[in-house]
C-alpha atoms as a PDB file:
ATOM      1  CA  UNK A   1      31.984 -38.333  33.705  1.00  0.00           C
ATOM      2  CA  UNK A   2      29.413 -36.081  32.234  1.00  0.00           C
ATOM      3  CA  UNK A   3      27.614 -39.083  31.279  1.00  0.00           C
ATOM      4  CA  UNK A   4      30.353 -39.933  28.709  1.00  0.00           C
ATOM      5  CA  UNK A   5      31.316 -43.526  28.209  1.00  0.00           C
ATOM      6  CA  UNK A   6      34.290 -43.676  25.882  1.00  0.00           C
ATOM      7  CA  UNK A   7      36.893 -41.611  24.043  1.00  0.00           C
ATOM      8  CA  UNK A   8      38.263 -41.891  20.572  1.00  0.00           C
ATOM      9  CA  UNK A   9      41.603 -40.496  19.844  1.00  0.00           C
ATOM     10  CA  UNK A  10      42.700 -39.270  16.172  1.00  0.00           C
ATOM     11  CA  UNK A  11      44.840 -36.722  14.818  1.00  0.00           C
ATOM     12  CA  UNK A  12      42.774 -33.617  14.253  1.00  0.00           C
ATOM     13  CA  UNK A  13      44.498 -30.253  15.071  1.00  0.00           C
ATOM     14  CA  UNK A  14      43.626 -26.590  15.411  1.00  0.00           C
ATOM     15  CA  UNK A  15      44.835 -24.028  12.987  1.00  0.00           C
ATOM     16  CA  UNK A  16      48.143 -22.517  13.819  1.00  0.00           C
ATOM     17  CA  UNK A  17      48.462 -18.893  14.691  1.00  0.00           C
ATOM     18  CA  UNK A  18      51.439 -16.563  15.054  1.00  0.00           C
ATOM     19  CA  UNK A  19      53.901 -19.027  13.775  1.00  0.00           C
ATOM     20  CA  UNK A  20      52.064 -21.842  15.908  1.00  0.00           C
ATOM     21  CA  UNK A  21      52.677 -20.005  19.127  1.00  0.00           C
ATOM     22  CA  UNK A  22      48.807 -20.166  19.558  1.00  0.00           C
ATOM     23  CA  UNK A  23      46.020 -21.979  17.805  1.00  0.00           C
ATOM     24  CA  UNK A  24      42.359 -21.122  16.896  1.00  0.00           C
ATOM     25  CA  UNK A  25      40.101 -23.937  18.090  1.00  0.00           C
ATOM     26  CA  UNK A  26      37.197 -22.843  15.961  1.00  0.00           C
ATOM     27  CA  UNK A  27      39.373 -23.565  12.823  1.00  0.00           C
ATOM     28  CA  UNK A  28      40.662 -27.048  12.532  1.00  0.00           C
ATOM     29  CA  UNK A  29      41.783 -29.775  10.309  1.00  0.00           C
ATOM     30  CA  UNK A  30      39.621 -32.980  10.935  1.00  0.00           C
ATOM     31  CA  UNK A  31      38.771 -36.146   9.047  1.00  0.00           C
ATOM     32  CA  UNK A  32      35.574 -36.892  10.896  1.00  0.00           C
ATOM     33  CA  UNK A  33      34.374 -40.517  11.072  1.00  0.00           C
ATOM     34  CA  UNK A  34      31.035 -41.976  12.321  1.00  0.00           C
ATOM     35  CA  UNK A  35      31.256 -44.254  15.359  1.00  0.00           C
ATOM     36  CA  UNK A  36      28.977 -47.324  15.527  1.00  0.00           C
ATOM     37  CA  UNK A  37      28.982 -49.796  18.454  1.00  0.00           C
ATOM     38  CA  UNK A  38      27.618 -53.233  19.094  1.00  0.00           C
ATOM     39  CA  UNK A  39      27.002 -55.325  22.184  1.00  0.00           C
ATOM     40  CA  UNK A  40      27.976 -58.956  22.183  1.00  0.00           C
ATOM     41  CA  UNK A  41      24.243 -60.007  22.847  1.00  0.00           C
ATOM     42  CA  UNK A  42      24.759 -63.672  21.913  1.00  0.00           C
ATOM     43  CA  UNK A  43      28.033 -63.869  23.925  1.00  0.00           C
ATOM     44  CA  UNK A  44      30.049 -65.631  21.209  1.00  0.00           C
ATOM     45  CA  UNK A  45      32.886 -63.132  21.107  1.00  0.00           C
ATOM     46  CA  UNK A  46      32.115 -62.141  17.554  1.00  0.00           C
ATOM     47  CA  UNK A  47      30.864 -58.819  16.099  1.00  0.00           C
ATOM     48  CA  UNK A  48      27.882 -60.464  14.590  1.00  0.00           C
ATOM     49  CA  UNK A  49      25.126 -58.769  16.561  1.00  0.00           C
ATOM     50  CA  UNK A  50      23.200 -55.483  15.601  1.00  0.00           C
ATOM     51  CA  UNK A  51      25.191 -52.279  15.131  1.00  0.00           C
ATOM     52  CA  UNK A  52      23.991 -49.037  16.336  1.00  0.00           C
ATOM     53  CA  UNK A  53      25.052 -45.661  15.175  1.00  0.00           C
ATOM     54  CA  UNK A  54      26.379 -42.821  17.490  1.00  0.00           C
ATOM     55  CA  UNK A  55      24.144 -40.125  15.664  1.00  0.00           C
ATOM     56  CA  UNK A  56      25.908 -37.105  17.179  1.00  0.00           C
ATOM     57  CA  UNK A  57      24.917 -33.572  16.082  1.00  0.00           C
ATOM     58  CA  UNK A  58      24.825 -33.918  12.365  1.00  0.00           C
ATOM     59  CA  UNK A  59      23.428 -37.181  11.014  1.00  0.00           C
ATOM     60  CA  UNK A  60      19.749 -37.159  10.059  1.00  0.00           C
ATOM     61  CA  UNK A  61      17.038 -38.467  12.544  1.00  0.00           C
ATOM     62  CA  UNK A  62      17.056 -41.792  10.570  1.00  0.00           C
ATOM     63  CA  UNK A  63      20.911 -42.253   9.999  1.00  0.00           C
ATOM     64  CA  UNK A  64      20.002 -44.748   7.100  1.00  0.00           C
ATOM     65  CA  UNK A  65      19.030 -41.850   5.092  1.00  0.00           C
ATOM     66  CA  UNK A  66      22.725 -40.761   4.938  1.00  0.00           C
ATOM     67  CA  UNK A  67      24.142 -44.306   4.151  1.00  0.00           C
ATOM     68  CA  UNK A  68      26.080 -44.172   1.032  1.00  0.00           C
ATOM     69  CA  UNK A  69      27.590 -47.039  -1.119  1.00  0.00           C
ATOM     70  CA  UNK A  70      30.711 -46.130  -3.371  1.00  0.00           C
ATOM     71  CA  UNK A  71      31.821 -48.200  -6.141  1.00  0.00           C
ATOM     72  CA  UNK A  72      35.610 -48.427  -7.316  1.00  0.00           C
ATOM     73  CA  UNK A  73      37.018 -49.593 -10.651  1.00  0.00           C
ATOM     74  CA  UNK A  74      39.480 -52.065  -9.200  1.00  0.00           C
ATOM     75  CA  UNK A  75      38.614 -52.352  -5.461  1.00  0.00           C
ATOM     76  CA  UNK A  76      35.588 -53.596  -3.438  1.00  0.00           C
ATOM     77  CA  UNK A  77      32.616 -51.237  -2.612  1.00  0.00           C
ATOM     78  CA  UNK A  78      32.924 -49.145   0.343  1.00  0.00           C
ATOM     79  CA  UNK A  79      29.956 -47.930   2.500  1.00  0.00           C
ATOM     80  CA  UNK A  80      29.275 -45.753   5.383  1.00  0.00           C
ATOM     81  CA  UNK A  81      27.084 -42.858   6.790  1.00  0.00           C
ATOM     82  CA  UNK A  82      27.681 -39.534   4.978  1.00  0.00           C
ATOM     83  CA  UNK A  83      28.163 -36.379   7.034  1.00  0.00           C
ATOM     84  CA  UNK A  84      27.024 -33.026   5.893  1.00  0.00           C
ATOM     85  CA  UNK A  85      28.883 -30.872   3.196  1.00  0.00           C
ATOM     86  CA  UNK A  86      30.571 -28.816   5.928  1.00  0.00           C
ATOM     87  CA  UNK A  87      32.637 -31.891   7.063  1.00  0.00           C
ATOM     88  CA  UNK A  88      34.261 -31.958   3.645  1.00  0.00           C
ATOM     89  CA  UNK A  89      35.432 -28.561   2.951  1.00  0.00           C
ATOM     90  CA  UNK A  90      38.049 -26.943   0.597  1.00  0.00           C
ATOM     91  CA  UNK A  91      41.542 -26.902   2.454  1.00  0.00           C
ATOM     92  CA  UNK A  92      42.961 -25.940   4.693  1.00  0.00           C
ATOM     93  CA  UNK A  93      40.593 -25.899   7.683  1.00  0.00           C
ATOM     94  CA  UNK A  94      37.158 -26.793   8.732  1.00  0.00           C
ATOM     95  CA  UNK A  95      35.621 -23.584  10.228  1.00  0.00           C
ATOM     96  CA  UNK A  96      33.342 -24.690  13.109  1.00  0.00           C
ATOM     97  CA  UNK A  97      31.657 -21.773  14.867  1.00  0.00           C
ATOM     98  CA  UNK A  98      33.877 -18.775  15.274  1.00  0.00           C
ATOM     99  CA  UNK A  99      31.677 -16.534  17.435  1.00  0.00           C
ATOM    100  CA  UNK A 100      30.554 -19.242  20.016  1.00  0.00           C
ATOM    101  CA  UNK A 101      32.011 -21.056  22.981  1.00  0.00           C
ATOM    102  CA  UNK A 102      29.758 -24.204  22.154  1.00  0.00           C
ATOM    103  CA  UNK A 103      30.616 -26.727  19.779  1.00  0.00           C
ATOM    104  CA  UNK A 104      28.170 -27.080  16.711  1.00  0.00           C
ATOM    105  CA  UNK A 105      29.355 -30.731  15.620  1.00  0.00           C
ATOM    106  CA  UNK A 106      29.937 -33.331  18.136  1.00  0.00           C
ATOM    107  CA  UNK A 107      29.721 -37.098  18.432  1.00  0.00           C
ATOM    108  CA  UNK A 108      32.395 -38.102  15.762  1.00  0.00           C
ATOM    109  CA  UNK A 109      35.675 -39.514  15.724  1.00  0.00           C
ATOM    110  CA  UNK A 110      39.051 -37.692  14.598  1.00  0.00           C
ATOM    111  CA  UNK A 111      37.412 -34.255  15.296  1.00  0.00           C
ATOM    112  CA  UNK A 112      39.161 -32.867  18.274  1.00  0.00           C
ATOM    113  CA  UNK A 113      42.999 -32.627  19.195  1.00  0.00           C
ATOM    114  CA  UNK A 114      44.830 -34.781  21.785  1.00  0.00           C
ATOM    115  CA  UNK A 115      47.087 -33.189  24.315  1.00  0.00           C
ATOM    116  CA  UNK A 116      50.543 -34.119  25.221  1.00  0.00           C
ATOM    117  CA  UNK A 117      50.743 -36.565  28.133  1.00  0.00           C
ATOM    118  CA  UNK A 118      50.560 -34.564  31.495  1.00  0.00           C
ATOM    119  CA  UNK A 119      49.048 -31.334  30.122  1.00  0.00           C
ATOM    120  CA  UNK A 120      46.484 -30.816  32.760  1.00  0.00           C
ATOM    121  CA  UNK A 121      45.677 -27.175  32.168  1.00  0.00           C
ATOM    122  CA  UNK A 122      43.599 -28.016  29.032  1.00  0.00           C
ATOM    123  CA  UNK A 123      43.579 -25.763  25.902  1.00  0.00           C
ATOM    124  CA  UNK A 124      41.743 -22.951  24.325  1.00  0.00           C
ATOM    125  CA  UNK A 125      44.564 -22.245  21.824  1.00  0.00           C
ATOM    126  CA  UNK A 126      46.491 -19.620  23.823  1.00  0.00           C
ATOM    127  CA  UNK A 127      50.300 -19.369  24.049  1.00  0.00           C
ATOM    128  CA  UNK A 128      51.989 -21.509  26.686  1.00  0.00           C
ATOM    129  CA  UNK A 129      48.904 -23.618  27.364  1.00  0.00           C
ATOM    130  CA  UNK A 130      50.788 -26.833  26.245  1.00  0.00           C
ATOM    131  CA  UNK A 131      53.891 -26.096  28.019  1.00  0.00           C
ATOM    132  CA  UNK A 132      54.802 -29.052  30.432  1.00  0.00           C
ATOM    133  CA  UNK A 133      56.596 -26.515  32.930  1.00  0.00           C
ATOM    134  CA  UNK A 134      53.383 -25.286  34.148  1.00  0.00           C
ATOM    135  CA  UNK A 135      52.993 -25.849  37.875  1.00  0.00           C
ATOM    136  CA  UNK A 136      49.696 -27.818  37.373  1.00  0.00           C
ATOM    137  CA  UNK A 137      51.215 -30.176  34.746  1.00  0.00           C
ATOM    138  CA  UNK A 138      52.483 -33.688  35.511  1.00  0.00           C
ATOM    139  CA  UNK A 139      54.515 -35.215  32.582  1.00  0.00           C
ATOM    140  CA  UNK A 140      54.930 -38.469  34.655  1.00  0.00           C
ATOM    141  CA  UNK A 141      51.279 -39.073  35.070  1.00  0.00           C
ATOM    142  CA  UNK A 142      50.067 -42.605  34.098  1.00  0.00           C
ATOM    143  CA  UNK A 143      48.698 -42.440  30.525  1.00  0.00           C
ATOM    144  CA  UNK A 144      45.906 -44.864  31.635  1.00  0.00           C
ATOM    145  CA  UNK A 145      44.776 -41.863  34.036  1.00  0.00           C
ATOM    146  CA  UNK A 146      45.342 -38.817  31.807  1.00  0.00           C
ATOM    147  CA  UNK A 147      43.800 -40.287  28.778  1.00  0.00           C
ATOM    148  CA  UNK A 148      40.590 -41.662  30.462  1.00  0.00           C
ATOM    149  CA  UNK A 149      39.337 -38.312  31.639  1.00  0.00           C
ATOM    150  CA  UNK A 150      36.714 -37.078  28.850  1.00  0.00           C
ATOM    151  CA  UNK A 151      36.738 -33.604  27.496  1.00  0.00           C
ATOM    152  CA  UNK A 152      33.188 -32.053  27.309  1.00  0.00           C
ATOM    153  CA  UNK A 153      32.289 -32.438  23.538  1.00  0.00           C
ATOM    154  CA  UNK A 154      29.819 -29.685  23.632  1.00  0.00           C
ATOM    155  CA  UNK A 155      32.341 -26.720  24.757  1.00  0.00           C
ATOM    156  CA  UNK A 156      35.038 -25.391  22.515  1.00  0.00           C
ATOM    157  CA  UNK A 157      38.508 -26.238  23.750  1.00  0.00           C
ATOM    158  CA  UNK A 158      39.945 -29.116  25.784  1.00  0.00           C
ATOM    159  CA  UNK A 159      38.815 -29.207  29.367  1.00  0.00           C
ATOM    160  CA  UNK A 160      41.523 -29.160  32.254  1.00  0.00           C
ATOM    161  CA  UNK A 161      42.599 -32.312  33.359  1.00  0.00           C
ATOM    162  CA  UNK A 162      41.382 -34.067  29.952  1.00  0.00           C
ATOM    163  CA  UNK A 163      43.723 -35.508  27.390  1.00  0.00           C
ATOM    164  CA  UNK A 164      41.380 -34.455  24.658  1.00  0.00           C
ATOM    165  CA  UNK A 165      40.061 -36.722  21.908  1.00  0.00           C
ATOM    166  CA  UNK A 166      36.385 -37.238  21.040  1.00  0.00           C
ATOM    167  CA  UNK A 167      34.291 -38.559  23.973  1.00  0.00           C
ATOM    168  CA  UNK A 168      30.847 -39.971  23.396  1.00  0.00           C
ATOM    169  CA  UNK A 169      27.998 -41.179  25.506  1.00  0.00           C
ATOM    170  CA  UNK A 170      26.352 -44.740  24.444  1.00  0.00           C
ATOM    171  CA  UNK A 171      23.114 -43.186  25.026  1.00  0.00           C
ATOM    172  CA  UNK A 172      23.428 -41.365  21.781  1.00  0.00           C
ATOM    173  CA  UNK A 173      23.600 -44.687  19.928  1.00  0.00           C
ATOM    174  CA  UNK A 174      20.362 -45.331  17.730  1.00  0.00           C
ATOM    175  CA  UNK A 175      19.122 -47.884  15.299  1.00  0.00           C
ATOM    176  CA  UNK A 176      20.269 -46.718  11.930  1.00  0.00           C
ATOM    177  CA  UNK A 177      17.048 -47.948  10.197  1.00  0.00           C
ATOM    178  CA  UNK A 178      14.610 -46.243  12.440  1.00  0.00           C
ATOM    179  CA  UNK A 179      16.395 -43.783  14.587  1.00  0.00           C
ATOM    180  CA  UNK A 180      15.123 -45.250  17.784  1.00  0.00           C
ATOM    181  CA  UNK A 181      17.365 -45.117  20.838  1.00  0.00           C
ATOM    182  CA  UNK A 182      19.449 -48.314  20.961  1.00  0.00           C
ATOM    183  CA  UNK A 183      18.955 -48.551  24.939  1.00  0.00           C
ATOM    184  CA  UNK A 184      22.393 -50.301  25.268  1.00  0.00           C
ATOM    185  CA  UNK A 185      23.771 -51.131  28.722  1.00  0.00           C
ATOM    186  CA  UNK A 186      27.292 -51.179  27.160  1.00  0.00           C
ATOM    187  CA  UNK A 187      29.140 -52.235  24.277  1.00  0.00           C
ATOM    188  CA  UNK A 188      31.809 -54.768  23.259  1.00  0.00           C
ATOM    189  CA  UNK A 189      32.676 -53.767  19.675  1.00  0.00           C
ATOM    190  CA  UNK A 190      33.371 -50.383  17.931  1.00  0.00           C
ATOM    191  CA  UNK A 191      33.951 -49.481  14.257  1.00  0.00           C
ATOM    192  CA  UNK A 192      34.585 -46.182  12.719  1.00  0.00           C
ATOM    193  CA  UNK A 193      34.016 -45.286   9.173  1.00  0.00           C
ATOM    194  CA  UNK A 194      35.087 -42.032   7.297  1.00  0.00           C
ATOM    195  CA  UNK A 195      32.016 -39.845   7.130  1.00  0.00           C
ATOM    196  CA  UNK A 196      32.855 -37.806   3.985  1.00  0.00           C
ATOM    197  CA  UNK A 197      34.163 -38.395   0.465  1.00  0.00           C
ATOM    198  CA  UNK A 198      36.569 -35.670  -0.360  1.00  0.00           C
ATOM    199  CA  UNK A 199      39.917 -35.514  -2.323  1.00  0.00           C
ATOM    200  CA  UNK A 200      42.056 -32.547  -1.336  1.00  0.00           C
ATOM    201  CA  UNK A 201      44.555 -32.712  -4.211  1.00  0.00           C
ATOM    202  CA  UNK A 202      48.179 -32.716  -2.858  1.00  0.00           C
ATOM    203  CA  UNK A 203      46.933 -33.426   0.693  1.00  0.00           C
ATOM    204  CA  UNK A 204      45.200 -36.540  -0.489  1.00  0.00           C
ATOM    205  CA  UNK A 205      41.691 -37.764   0.305  1.00  0.00           C
ATOM    206  CA  UNK A 206      39.958 -37.174   3.580  1.00  0.00           C
ATOM    207  CA  UNK A 207      40.255 -40.406   5.624  1.00  0.00           C
ATOM    208  CA  UNK A 208      39.624 -40.916   9.371  1.00  0.00           C
ATOM    209  CA  UNK A 209      42.798 -41.852  11.177  1.00  0.00           C
ATOM    210  CA  UNK A 210      42.287 -43.445  14.750  1.00  0.00           C
ATOM    211  CA  UNK A 211      45.137 -43.831  17.325  1.00  0.00           C
ATOM    212  CA  UNK A 212      43.161 -45.450  20.233  1.00  0.00           C
ATOM    213  CA  UNK A 213      39.908 -45.876  22.005  1.00  0.00           C
ATOM    214  CA  UNK A 214      39.615 -45.755  25.688  1.00  0.00           C
ATOM    215  CA  UNK A 215      37.075 -46.326  28.531  1.00  0.00           C
ATOM    216  CA  UNK A 216      35.958 -43.312  30.640  1.00  0.00           C
ATOM    217  CA  UNK A 217      37.245 -43.920  34.089  1.00  0.00           C
ATOM    218  CA  UNK A 218      34.874 -43.619  37.125  1.00  0.00           C
ATOM    219  CA  UNK A 219      34.332 -40.063  38.401  1.00  0.00           C
ATOM    220  CA  UNK A 220      36.563 -39.605  41.441  1.00  0.00           C
ATOM    221  CA  UNK A 221      39.094 -42.471  40.237  1.00  0.00           C
ATOM    222  CA  UNK A 222      42.075 -40.219  40.232  1.00  0.00           C
ATOM    223  CA  UNK A 223      44.755 -43.002  40.202  1.00  0.00           C
ATOM    224  CA  UNK A 224      43.058 -45.094  37.442  1.00  0.00           C
ATOM    225  CA  UNK A 225      42.851 -48.465  39.301  1.00  0.00           C
ATOM    226  CA  UNK A 226      38.957 -48.716  38.546  1.00  0.00           C
ATOM    227  CA  UNK A 227      37.885 -48.169  42.045  1.00  0.00           C
ATOM    228  CA  UNK A 228      37.085 -45.040  43.908  1.00  0.00           C
ATOM    229  CA  UNK A 229      38.775 -45.472  47.287  1.00  0.00           C
ATOM    230  CA  UNK A 230      41.082 -44.334  50.012  1.00  0.00           C
ATOM    231  CA  UNK A 231      44.091 -43.589  47.517  1.00  0.00           C
ATOM    232  CA  UNK A 232      41.726 -41.184  45.495  1.00  0.00           C
ATOM    233  CA  UNK A 233      40.532 -39.552  48.841  1.00  0.00           C
ATOM    234  CA  UNK A 234      44.158 -38.930  49.737  1.00  0.00           C
ATOM    235  CA  UNK A 235      44.626 -37.066  46.441  1.00  0.00           C
ATOM    236  CA  UNK A 236      41.582 -34.943  46.808  1.00  0.00           C
ATOM    237  CA  UNK A 237      42.477 -34.181  50.371  1.00  0.00           C
ATOM    238  CA  UNK A 238      46.094 -33.179  49.294  1.00  0.00           C
ATOM    239  CA  UNK A 239      44.575 -30.725  46.783  1.00  0.00           C
ATOM    240  CA  UNK A 240      41.982 -29.152  49.156  1.00  0.00           C
ATOM    241  CA  UNK A 241      41.371 -25.594  48.676  1.00  0.00           C
ATOM    242  CA  UNK A 242      43.330 -25.321  45.367  1.00  0.00           C
ATOM    243  CA  UNK A 243      42.225 -24.860  41.831  1.00  0.00           C
ATOM    244  CA  UNK A 244      43.454 -28.683  41.043  1.00  0.00           C
ATOM    245  CA  UNK A 245      42.195 -29.929  37.611  1.00  0.00           C
ATOM    246  CA  UNK A 246      42.126 -33.462  38.545  1.00  0.00           C
ATOM    247  CA  UNK A 247      40.510 -33.225  41.962  1.00  0.00           C
ATOM    248  CA  UNK A 248      38.169 -30.406  41.008  1.00  0.00           C
ATOM    249  CA  UNK A 249      35.235 -32.787  40.202  1.00  0.00           C
ATOM    250  CA  UNK A 250      32.599 -30.212  39.713  1.00  0.00           C
ATOM    251  CA  UNK A 251      34.966 -27.818  37.793  1.00  0.00           C
ATOM    252  CA  UNK A 252      34.138 -24.690  39.966  1.00  0.00           C
ATOM    253  CA  UNK A 253      37.653 -23.666  40.218  1.00  0.00           C
ATOM    254  CA  UNK A 254      38.458 -25.027  43.810  1.00  0.00           C
ATOM    255  CA  UNK A 255      38.688 -28.477  45.533  1.00  0.00           C
ATOM    256  CA  UNK A 256      36.243 -28.521  48.508  1.00  0.00           C
ATOM    257  CA  UNK A 257      33.315 -30.253  50.073  1.00  0.00           C
ATOM    258  CA  UNK A 258      31.323 -30.356  46.873  1.00  0.00           C
ATOM    259  CA  UNK A 259      34.141 -32.392  45.207  1.00  0.00           C
ATOM    260  CA  UNK A 260      34.397 -34.633  48.278  1.00  0.00           C
ATOM    261  CA  UNK A 261      30.559 -35.164  48.021  1.00  0.00           C
ATOM    262  CA  UNK A 262      30.910 -36.256  44.353  1.00  0.00           C
ATOM    263  CA  UNK A 263      33.968 -38.617  45.238  1.00  0.00           C
ATOM    264  CA  UNK A 264      32.047 -40.299  48.104  1.00  0.00           C
ATOM    265  CA  UNK A 265      28.957 -40.828  45.928  1.00  0.00           C
ATOM    266  CA  UNK A 266      31.106 -43.013  43.698  1.00  0.00           C
ATOM    267  CA  UNK A 267      32.872 -44.807  46.635  1.00  0.00           C
ATOM    268  CA  UNK A 268      33.773 -48.332  45.778  1.00  0.00           C
END
C-alpha cells in the first residue's frame, strides 16, 4: 500500500502533554536507525550478497560519505551510517517540524510510535484517540492484520487503520558507494544500525531498539490471508457507505465504489 513494502517497529514515542492525556507528534523521543536490505541473489540462504541502504530523507546522495567507524578501548570497532546532528539532540525530545503536517524525516527505524492492538482510529496526539472503547476499534483484531497496514511516513501522525511503526519502500534502497538505485525486486535480509552517536547522561546512550519487522499486506487483503478474495469483498460490502478505516482503501472518508475498484484491481 502506498508503494510501501515493509514496516519496522521500535519504541519511539511522542511528547506527553497535559499529564499524558494528549501527545505532540512533532516532538518525539526516537533513537533512529539506518535500514539496510539484501537480496539472496546466490540463493544460498546466507546474508553474503550486496547490501543496500534505505537512504530516506536525510542521508547524503552517496551514503558512503556518511559511513563512520568508531573504535572502543575494550570492544571491537563498530560502524554505520551517521545521520545528521538533529537526530542526536539534547534531551528530552527531538523536535521534528512544529508548523507542518508533513514529516521532514522519513525512511528510518525506531522513529515513529506503535499503536496498541486494535486502535483503528489512528493518532494525531489528541485525547481519547487511543481508547479501545471507540466504536471503530477492534481489540480482538488479528495482529497479523493490524500490524501489516503501513502508516504514511510522509504525513505527521499515524493513519487510521495502521498500527504505526516506520514503513519503507524497497525502491528507496541505493548502492551505498554510488547512490545509484538498487533496483531490487524484493529482499531476504534486513539489518538496522544505530544512526547517531550520543550519550544522554542518566538516560544512557542513544541506541536503536527494534521490536519486529513485518511485510506490508496486499491492498484489500483485510483478513491477512495473503490473498484478496471473497472474504475481503464481504468485509468491504459490510462497511459500505460508512467511514470504516480498514475498508476505506482510498482514504476519502467513506467506503464506496472507488474502494471496490481498488479491491478488485488486486483480486487474487
